[in-house]
């Protein structure tokens, strides 16, 4: 989720709300950029670049991929 268009107060409120939902589902939240966050389910992996992705060869599971 991209919060870069929001002011500090609104972005904090949105992030607090989402952080609660992420906590309940035992997921992770990752800051991938300037006020850009990604929620990652507990059974998924996050790759920030192609090199990280190539190091994992498990084709039986789905992967979450984010490129910079």
Protein backbone atom coordinates (compact mmCIF):
# COMPACT_ATOMS: atom_id res chain seq x y z
CA UNK A 1 0.00 0.00 0.00
CA UNK A 2 1.35 3.38 -0.96
CA UNK A 3 0.87 6.01 1.74
CA UNK A 4 3.06 8.67 0.14
CA UNK A 5 0.07 10.83 -0.83
CA UNK A 6 -1.23 11.04 2.75
CA UNK A 7 -0.12 13.41 5.48
CA UNK A 8 1.59 12.01 8.59
CA UNK A 9 -1.57 11.82 10.69
CA UNK A 10 -3.66 9.98 8.08
CA UNK A 11 -0.87 7.62 7.06
CA UNK A 12 -0.29 6.68 10.72
CA UNK A 13 -4.02 5.94 11.18
CA UNK A 14 -4.14 3.74 8.08
CA UNK A 15 -0.94 1.93 9.06
CA UNK A 16 -2.20 1.34 12.62
CA UNK A 17 -5.44 -0.14 11.29
CA UNK A 18 -3.68 -2.40 8.80
CA UNK A 19 -1.06 -3.41 11.39
CA UNK A 20 -3.88 -4.69 13.61
CA UNK A 21 -5.28 -6.85 10.82
CA UNK A 22 -1.79 -8.11 9.97
CA UNK A 23 -1.15 -8.99 13.63
CA UNK A 24 -4.40 -10.97 13.85
CA UNK A 25 -3.54 -13.01 10.74
CA UNK A 26 0.07 -13.54 11.90
CA UNK A 27 1.39 -11.95 8.72
CA UNK A 28 4.26 -9.48 8.36
CA UNK A 29 4.36 -5.92 7.17
CA UNK A 30 7.42 -4.82 5.23
CA UNK A 31 8.50 -1.28 4.40
CA UNK A 32 9.65 -1.59 0.77
CA UNK A 33 10.08 2.11 0.06
CA UNK A 34 9.30 5.62 1.19
CA UNK A 35 5.88 5.16 2.84
CA UNK A 36 5.24 2.05 0.74
CA UNK A 37 4.31 -1.07 2.70
CA UNK A 38 3.56 -4.63 1.75
CA UNK A 39 1.70 -7.21 3.81
CA UNK A 40 3.12 -10.70 3.47
CA UNK A 41 1.00 -13.70 4.54
CA UNK A 42 2.64 -16.14 6.92
CA UNK A 43 3.07 -18.84 4.24
CA UNK A 44 4.56 -16.54 1.55
CA UNK A 45 7.98 -15.07 0.86
CA UNK A 46 8.86 -11.56 -0.21
CA UNK A 47 11.58 -10.97 -2.80
CA UNK A 48 12.78 -7.42 -3.30
CA UNK A 49 14.88 -8.17 -6.37
CA UNK A 50 15.41 -10.86 -8.99
CA UNK A 51 18.63 -12.14 -7.38
CA UNK A 52 16.77 -13.10 -4.20
CA UNK A 53 14.11 -14.86 -6.25
CA UNK A 54 16.63 -16.91 -8.24
CA UNK A 55 18.19 -18.27 -5.05
CA UNK A 56 14.96 -20.14 -4.19
CA UNK A 57 13.95 -23.04 -6.42
CA UNK A 58 10.78 -24.26 -4.70
CA UNK A 59 8.28 -24.45 -7.54
CA UNK A 60 5.63 -26.20 -5.44
CA UNK A 61 4.60 -23.03 -3.60
CA UNK A 62 3.42 -19.63 -4.73
CA UNK A 63 5.65 -16.63 -4.16
CA UNK A 64 5.04 -12.94 -3.64
CA UNK A 65 7.39 -10.86 -5.77
CA UNK A 66 8.03 -7.15 -5.57
CA UNK A 67 10.62 -5.50 -7.77
CA UNK A 68 12.17 -2.12 -7.12
